[in-house]
Amino acid sequence: MKLAVDPVACDGLGMCAHQAPDLIALDPWGYPIVDTGDIPQDQLTPARRAVRACPKRALYATGE
């Protein structure tokens, strides 16, 4: 599984980073920066929580 962000849909609220701080960093404006690599097994639950927390549905999982 990998995380991806739709930059057009994202409002930079940062809710995703609070759910998965080891996977998602925020830039100075609050927009998420995600690693494009595979998510480690022990981080799958926080990654799924982060996807569900996005009010704009701008963060999504691929390859699940």
PDB file of N, CA and C in Angstrom:
ATOM      1  N   MET A   1       0.838  -1.172   0.000  1.00  0.00           N
ATOM      2  CA  MET A   1       0.000   0.000   0.000  1.00  0.00           C
ATOM      3  C   MET A   1       0.888   1.241   0.000  1.00  0.00           C
ATOM      4  N   LYS A   2       0.446   2.256  -0.709  1.00  0.00           N
ATOM      5  CA  LYS A   2       1.147   3.541  -0.768  1.00  0.00           C
ATOM      6  C   LYS A   2       0.137   4.656  -0.542  1.00  0.00           C
ATOM      7  N   LEU A   3       0.618   5.792  -0.066  1.00  0.00           N
ATOM      8  CA  LEU A   3      -0.231   6.963   0.096  1.00  0.00           C
ATOM      9  C   LEU A   3       0.036   7.942  -1.032  1.00  0.00           C
ATOM     10  N   ALA A   4      -1.004   8.647  -1.427  1.00  0.00           N
ATOM     11  CA  ALA A   4      -0.884   9.688  -2.449  1.00  0.00           C
ATOM     12  C   ALA A   4      -1.813  10.834  -2.074  1.00  0.00           C
ATOM     13  N   VAL A   5      -1.483  12.027  -2.563  1.00  0.00           N
ATOM     14  CA  VAL A   5      -2.272  13.215  -2.273  1.00  0.00           C
ATOM     15  C   VAL A   5      -2.699  13.873  -3.581  1.00  0.00           C
ATOM     16  N   ASP A   6      -3.953  14.265  -3.634  1.00  0.00           N
ATOM     17  CA  ASP A   6      -4.450  15.064  -4.746  1.00  0.00           C
ATOM     18  C   ASP A   6      -4.230  16.519  -4.340  1.00  0.00           C
ATOM     19  N   PRO A   7      -3.213  17.197  -4.878  1.00  0.00           N
ATOM     20  CA  PRO A   7      -2.885  18.549  -4.433  1.00  0.00           C
ATOM     21  C   PRO A   7      -3.968  19.581  -4.751  1.00  0.00           C
ATOM     22  N   VAL A   8      -4.789  19.312  -5.742  1.00  0.00           N
ATOM     23  CA  VAL A   8      -5.864  20.242  -6.085  1.00  0.00           C
ATOM     24  C   VAL A   8      -6.984  20.169  -5.048  1.00  0.00           C
ATOM     25  N   ALA A   9      -7.282  18.976  -4.575  1.00  0.00           N
ATOM     26  CA  ALA A   9      -8.375  18.792  -3.610  1.00  0.00           C
ATOM     27  C   ALA A   9      -7.970  19.165  -2.185  1.00  0.00           C
ATOM     28  N   CYS A  10      -6.687  19.081  -1.875  1.00  0.00           N
ATOM     29  CA  CYS A  10      -6.216  19.298  -0.503  1.00  0.00           C
ATOM     30  C   CYS A  10      -6.335  20.764  -0.084  1.00  0.00           C
ATOM     31  N   ASP A  11      -6.891  20.985   1.107  1.00  0.00           N
ATOM     32  CA  ASP A  11      -6.997  22.331   1.673  1.00  0.00           C
ATOM     33  C   ASP A  11      -5.911  22.621   2.697  1.00  0.00           C
ATOM     34  N   GLY A  12      -5.024  21.670   2.942  1.00  0.00           N
ATOM     35  CA  GLY A  12      -3.918  21.889   3.873  1.00  0.00           C
ATOM     36  C   GLY A  12      -4.341  21.968   5.327  1.00  0.00           C
ATOM     37  N   LEU A  13      -5.354  21.209   5.703  1.00  0.00           N
ATOM     38  CA  LEU A  13      -5.838  21.230   7.079  1.00  0.00           C
ATOM     39  C   LEU A  13      -4.926  20.455   8.027  1.00  0.00           C
ATOM     40  N   GLY A  14      -4.176  19.493   7.513  1.00  0.00           N
ATOM     41  CA  GLY A  14      -3.195  18.768   8.311  1.00  0.00           C
ATOM     42  C   GLY A  14      -3.738  17.666   9.194  1.00  0.00           C
ATOM     43  N   MET A  15      -4.999  17.326   9.055  1.00  0.00           N
ATOM     44  CA  MET A  15      -5.582  16.279   9.888  1.00  0.00           C
ATOM     45  C   MET A  15      -4.925  14.926   9.637  1.00  0.00           C
ATOM     46  N   CYS A  16      -4.482  14.693   8.427  1.00  0.00           N
ATOM     47  CA  CYS A  16      -3.841  13.425   8.081  1.00  0.00           C
ATOM     48  C   CYS A  16      -2.539  13.226   8.853  1.00  0.00           C
ATOM     49  N   ALA A  17      -1.765  14.286   8.980  1.00  0.00           N
ATOM     50  CA  ALA A  17      -0.471  14.188   9.661  1.00  0.00           C
ATOM     51  C   ALA A  17      -0.632  13.897  11.146  1.00  0.00           C
ATOM     52  N   HIS A  18      -1.740  14.303  11.729  1.00  0.00           N
ATOM     53  CA  HIS A  18      -1.987  13.997  13.136  1.00  0.00           C
ATOM     54  C   HIS A  18      -2.303  12.519  13.335  1.00  0.00           C
ATOM     55  N   GLN A  19      -2.851  11.884  12.329  1.00  0.00           N
ATOM     56  CA  GLN A  19      -3.191  10.465  12.410  1.00  0.00           C
ATOM     57  C   GLN A  19      -1.996   9.564  12.097  1.00  0.00           C
ATOM     58  N   ALA A  20      -1.097  10.023  11.244  1.00  0.00           N
ATOM     59  CA  ALA A  20       0.048   9.203  10.830  1.00  0.00           C
ATOM     60  C   ALA A  20       1.313  10.062  10.778  1.00  0.00           C
ATOM     61  N   PRO A  21       1.781  10.531  11.934  1.00  0.00           N
ATOM     62  CA  PRO A  21       2.941  11.433  11.939  1.00  0.00           C
ATOM     63  C   PRO A  21       4.242  10.806  11.450  1.00  0.00           C
ATOM     64  N   ASP A  22       4.339   9.477  11.480  1.00  0.00           N
ATOM     65  CA  ASP A  22       5.549   8.825  10.983  1.00  0.00           C
ATOM     66  C   ASP A  22       5.549   8.696   9.462  1.00  0.00           C
ATOM     67  N   LEU A  23       4.395   8.922   8.847  1.00  0.00           N
ATOM     68  CA  LEU A  23       4.271   8.765   7.394  1.00  0.00           C
ATOM     69  C   LEU A  23       4.059  10.070   6.655  1.00  0.00           C
ATOM     70  N   ILE A  24       3.495  11.060   7.355  1.00  0.00           N
ATOM     71  CA  ILE A  24       3.097  12.300   6.693  1.00  0.00           C
ATOM     72  C   ILE A  24       3.680  13.497   7.429  1.00  0.00           C
ATOM     73  N   ALA A  25       4.409  14.306   6.698  1.00  0.00           N
ATOM     74  CA  ALA A  25       4.928  15.570   7.232  1.00  0.00           C
ATOM     75  C   ALA A  25       4.111  16.695   6.618  1.00  0.00           C
ATOM     76  N   LEU A  26       4.155  17.849   7.242  1.00  0.00           N
ATOM     77  CA  LEU A  26       3.458  19.010   6.699  1.00  0.00           C
ATOM     78  C   LEU A  26       4.466  20.052   6.251  1.00  0.00           C
ATOM     79  N   ASP A  27       4.193  20.678   5.107  1.00  0.00           N
ATOM     80  CA  ASP A  27       5.062  21.760   4.657  1.00  0.00           C
ATOM     81  C   ASP A  27       4.714  23.019   5.470  1.00  0.00           C
ATOM     82  N   PRO A  28       5.410  24.117   5.271  1.00  0.00           N
ATOM     83  CA  PRO A  28       5.159  25.325   6.069  1.00  0.00           C
ATOM     84  C   PRO A  28       3.731  25.869   5.969  1.00  0.00           C
ATOM     85  N   TRP A  29       2.998  25.496   4.937  1.00  0.00           N
ATOM     86  CA  TRP A  29       1.628  25.977   4.748  1.00  0.00           C
ATOM     87  C   TRP A  29       0.583  24.973   5.217  1.00  0.00           C
ATOM     88  N   GLY A  30       1.030  23.838   5.745  1.00  0.00           N
ATOM     89  CA  GLY A  30       0.111  22.828   6.262  1.00  0.00           C
ATOM     90  C   GLY A  30      -0.284  21.746   5.281  1.00  0.00           C
ATOM     91  N   TYR A  31       0.329  21.727   4.103  1.00  0.00           N
ATOM     92  CA  TYR A  31       0.007  20.708   3.117  1.00  0.00           C
ATOM     93  C   TYR A  31       0.858  19.460   3.353  1.00  0.00           C
ATOM     94  N   PRO A  32       0.281  18.279   3.145  1.00  0.00           N
ATOM     95  CA  PRO A  32       0.997  17.041   3.449  1.00  0.00           C
ATOM     96  C   PRO A  32       2.097  16.714   2.443  1.00  0.00           C
ATOM     97  N   ILE A  33       3.139  16.148   2.991  1.00  0.00           N
ATOM     98  CA  ILE A  33       4.233  15.596   2.193  1.00  0.00           C
ATOM     99  C   ILE A  33       4.285  14.119   2.552  1.00  0.00           C
ATOM    100  N   VAL A  34       4.007  13.264   1.585  1.00  0.00           N
ATOM    101  CA  VAL A  34       3.985  11.826   1.850  1.00  0.00           C
ATOM    102  C   VAL A  34       5.131  11.143   1.124  1.00  0.00           C
ATOM    103  N   ASP A  35       5.652  10.112   1.769  1.00  0.00           N
ATOM    104  CA  ASP A  35       6.662   9.279   1.141  1.00  0.00           C
ATOM    105  C   ASP A  35       5.952   8.426   0.093  1.00  0.00           C
ATOM    106  N   THR A  36       6.514   8.321  -1.096  1.00  0.00           N
ATOM    107  CA  THR A  36       5.860   7.585  -2.170  1.00  0.00           C
ATOM    108  C   THR A  36       6.172   6.092  -2.142  1.00  0.00           C
ATOM    109  N   GLY A  37       6.957   5.654  -1.170  1.00  0.00           N
ATOM    110  CA  GLY A  37       7.296   4.237  -1.065  1.00  0.00           C
ATOM    111  C   GLY A  37       6.206   3.430  -0.384  1.00  0.00           C
ATOM    112  N   ASP A  38       6.431   2.127  -0.341  1.00  0.00           N
ATOM    113  CA  ASP A  38       5.482   1.241   0.329  1.00  0.00           C
ATOM    114  C   ASP A  38       5.443   1.545   1.828  1.00  0.00           C
ATOM    115  N   ILE A  39       4.262   1.453   2.388  1.00  0.00           N
ATOM    116  CA  ILE A  39       4.072   1.709   3.813  1.00  0.00           C
ATOM    117  C   ILE A  39       4.477   0.457   4.583  1.00  0.00           C
ATOM    118  N   PRO A  40       5.298   0.608   5.622  1.00  0.00           N
ATOM    119  CA  PRO A  40       5.668  -0.558   6.434  1.00  0.00           C
ATOM    120  C   PRO A  40       4.434  -1.194   7.074  1.00  0.00           C
ATOM    121  N   GLN A  41       4.483  -2.475   7.279  1.00  0.00           N
ATOM    122  CA  GLN A  41       3.357  -3.233   7.832  1.00  0.00           C
ATOM    123  C   GLN A  41       2.839  -2.638   9.139  1.00  0.00           C
ATOM    124  N   ASP A  42       3.732  -2.192  10.000  1.00  0.00           N
ATOM    125  CA  ASP A  42       3.307  -1.662  11.300  1.00  0.00           C
ATOM    126  C   ASP A  42       2.683  -0.263  11.204  1.00  0.00           C
ATOM    127  N   GLN A  43       2.695   0.341  10.032  1.00  0.00           N
ATOM    128  CA  GLN A  43       2.116   1.674   9.846  1.00  0.00           C
ATOM    129  C   GLN A  43       0.836   1.663   9.004  1.00  0.00           C
ATOM    130  N   LEU A  44       0.337   0.479   8.675  1.00  0.00           N
ATOM    131  CA  LEU A  44      -0.868   0.401   7.848  1.00  0.00           C
ATOM    132  C   LEU A  44      -2.098   0.966   8.556  1.00  0.00           C
ATOM    133  N   THR A  45      -2.249   0.676   9.833  1.00  0.00           N
ATOM    134  CA  THR A  45      -3.413   1.190  10.566  1.00  0.00           C
ATOM    135  C   THR A  45      -3.395   2.710  10.643  1.00  0.00           C
ATOM    136  N   PRO A  46      -2.277   3.350  11.041  1.00  0.00           N
ATOM    137  CA  PRO A  46      -2.268   4.815  11.026  1.00  0.00           C
ATOM    138  C   PRO A  46      -2.486   5.398   9.625  1.00  0.00           C
ATOM    139  N   ALA A  47      -1.986   4.725   8.601  1.00  0.00           N
ATOM    140  CA  ALA A  47      -2.183   5.212   7.228  1.00  0.00           C
ATOM    141  C   ALA A  47      -3.667   5.190   6.857  1.00  0.00           C
ATOM    142  N   ARG A  48      -4.344   4.123   7.214  1.00  0.00           N
ATOM    143  CA  ARG A  48      -5.782   4.043   6.924  1.00  0.00           C
ATOM    144  C   ARG A  48      -6.560   5.091   7.713  1.00  0.00           C
ATOM    145  N   ARG A  49      -6.160   5.334   8.954  1.00  0.00           N
ATOM    146  CA  ARG A  49      -6.805   6.374   9.760  1.00  0.00           C
ATOM    147  C   ARG A  49      -6.618   7.744   9.117  1.00  0.00           C
ATOM    148  N   ALA A  50      -5.432   7.994   8.606  1.00  0.00           N
ATOM    149  CA  ALA A  50      -5.144   9.275   7.963  1.00  0.00           C
ATOM    150  C   ALA A  50      -6.009   9.476   6.729  1.00  0.00           C
ATOM    151  N   VAL A  51      -6.178   8.436   5.938  1.00  0.00           N
ATOM    152  CA  VAL A  51      -7.022   8.524   4.748  1.00  0.00           C
ATOM    153  C   VAL A  51      -8.462   8.841   5.153  1.00  0.00           C
ATOM    154  N   ARG A  52      -8.962   8.162   6.175  1.00  0.00           N
ATOM    155  CA  ARG A  52     -10.337   8.410   6.628  1.00  0.00           C
ATOM    156  C   ARG A  52     -10.504   9.789   7.255  1.00  0.00           C
ATOM    157  N   ALA A  53      -9.433  10.346   7.819  1.00  0.00           N
ATOM    158  CA  ALA A  53      -9.515  11.641   8.501  1.00  0.00           C
ATOM    159  C   ALA A  53      -9.572  12.825   7.543  1.00  0.00           C
ATOM    160  N   CYS A  54      -9.202  12.630   6.302  1.00  0.00           N
ATOM    161  CA  CYS A  54      -9.159  13.741   5.356  1.00  0.00           C
ATOM    162  C   CYS A  54     -10.573  14.191   4.980  1.00  0.00           C
ATOM    163  N   PRO A  55     -10.965  15.408   5.374  1.00  0.00           N
ATOM    164  CA  PRO A  55     -12.319  15.859   5.075  1.00  0.00           C
ATOM    165  C   PRO A  55     -12.558  16.140   3.593  1.00  0.00           C
ATOM    166  N   LYS A  56     -11.510  16.351   2.829  1.00  0.00           N
ATOM    167  CA  LYS A  56     -11.633  16.634   1.399  1.00  0.00           C
ATOM    168  C   LYS A  56     -11.389  15.400   0.532  1.00  0.00           C
ATOM    169  N   ARG A  57     -11.067  14.293   1.162  1.00  0.00           N
ATOM    170  CA  ARG A  57     -10.734  13.047   0.459  1.00  0.00           C
ATOM    171  C   ARG A  57      -9.585  13.246  -0.532  1.00  0.00           C
ATOM    172  N   ALA A  58      -8.656  14.099  -0.139  1.00  0.00           N
ATOM    173  CA  ALA A  58      -7.491  14.387  -0.989  1.00  0.00           C
ATOM    174  C   ALA A  58      -6.372  13.370  -0.768  1.00  0.00           C
ATOM    175  N   LEU A  59      -6.371  12.708   0.373  1.00  0.00           N
ATOM    176  CA  LEU A  59      -5.375  11.682   0.666  1.00  0.00           C
ATOM    177  C   LEU A  59      -6.020  10.340   0.371  1.00  0.00           C
ATOM    178  N   TYR A  60      -5.309   9.494  -0.362  1.00  0.00           N
ATOM    179  CA  TYR A  60      -5.860   8.195  -0.685  1.00  0.00           C
ATOM    180  C   TYR A  60      -4.760   7.136  -0.712  1.00  0.00           C
ATOM    181  N   ALA A  61      -5.181   5.888  -0.603  1.00  0.00           N
ATOM    182  CA  ALA A  61      -4.258   4.756  -0.614  1.00  0.00           C
ATOM    183  C   ALA A  61      -4.327   4.077  -1.966  1.00  0.00           C
ATOM    184  N   THR A  62      -3.185   3.615  -2.436  1.00  0.00           N
ATOM    185  CA  THR A  62      -3.129   2.869  -3.690  1.00  0.00           C
ATOM    186  C   THR A  62      -2.549   1.492  -3.406  1.00  0.00           C
ATOM    187  N   GLY A  63      -2.900   0.543  -4.236  1.00  0.00           N
ATOM    188  CA  GLY A  63      -2.327  -0.791  -4.125  1.00  0.00           C
ATOM    189  C   GLY A  63      -2.821  -1.589  -2.943  1.00  0.00           C
ATOM    190  N   GLU A  64      -4.008  -1.263  -2.462  1.00  0.00           N
ATOM    191  CA  GLU A  64      -4.520  -1.994  -1.303  1.00  0.00           C
ATOM    192  C   GLU A  64      -5.437  -3.089  -1.749  1.00  0.00           C
TER     193      GLU A  64
END
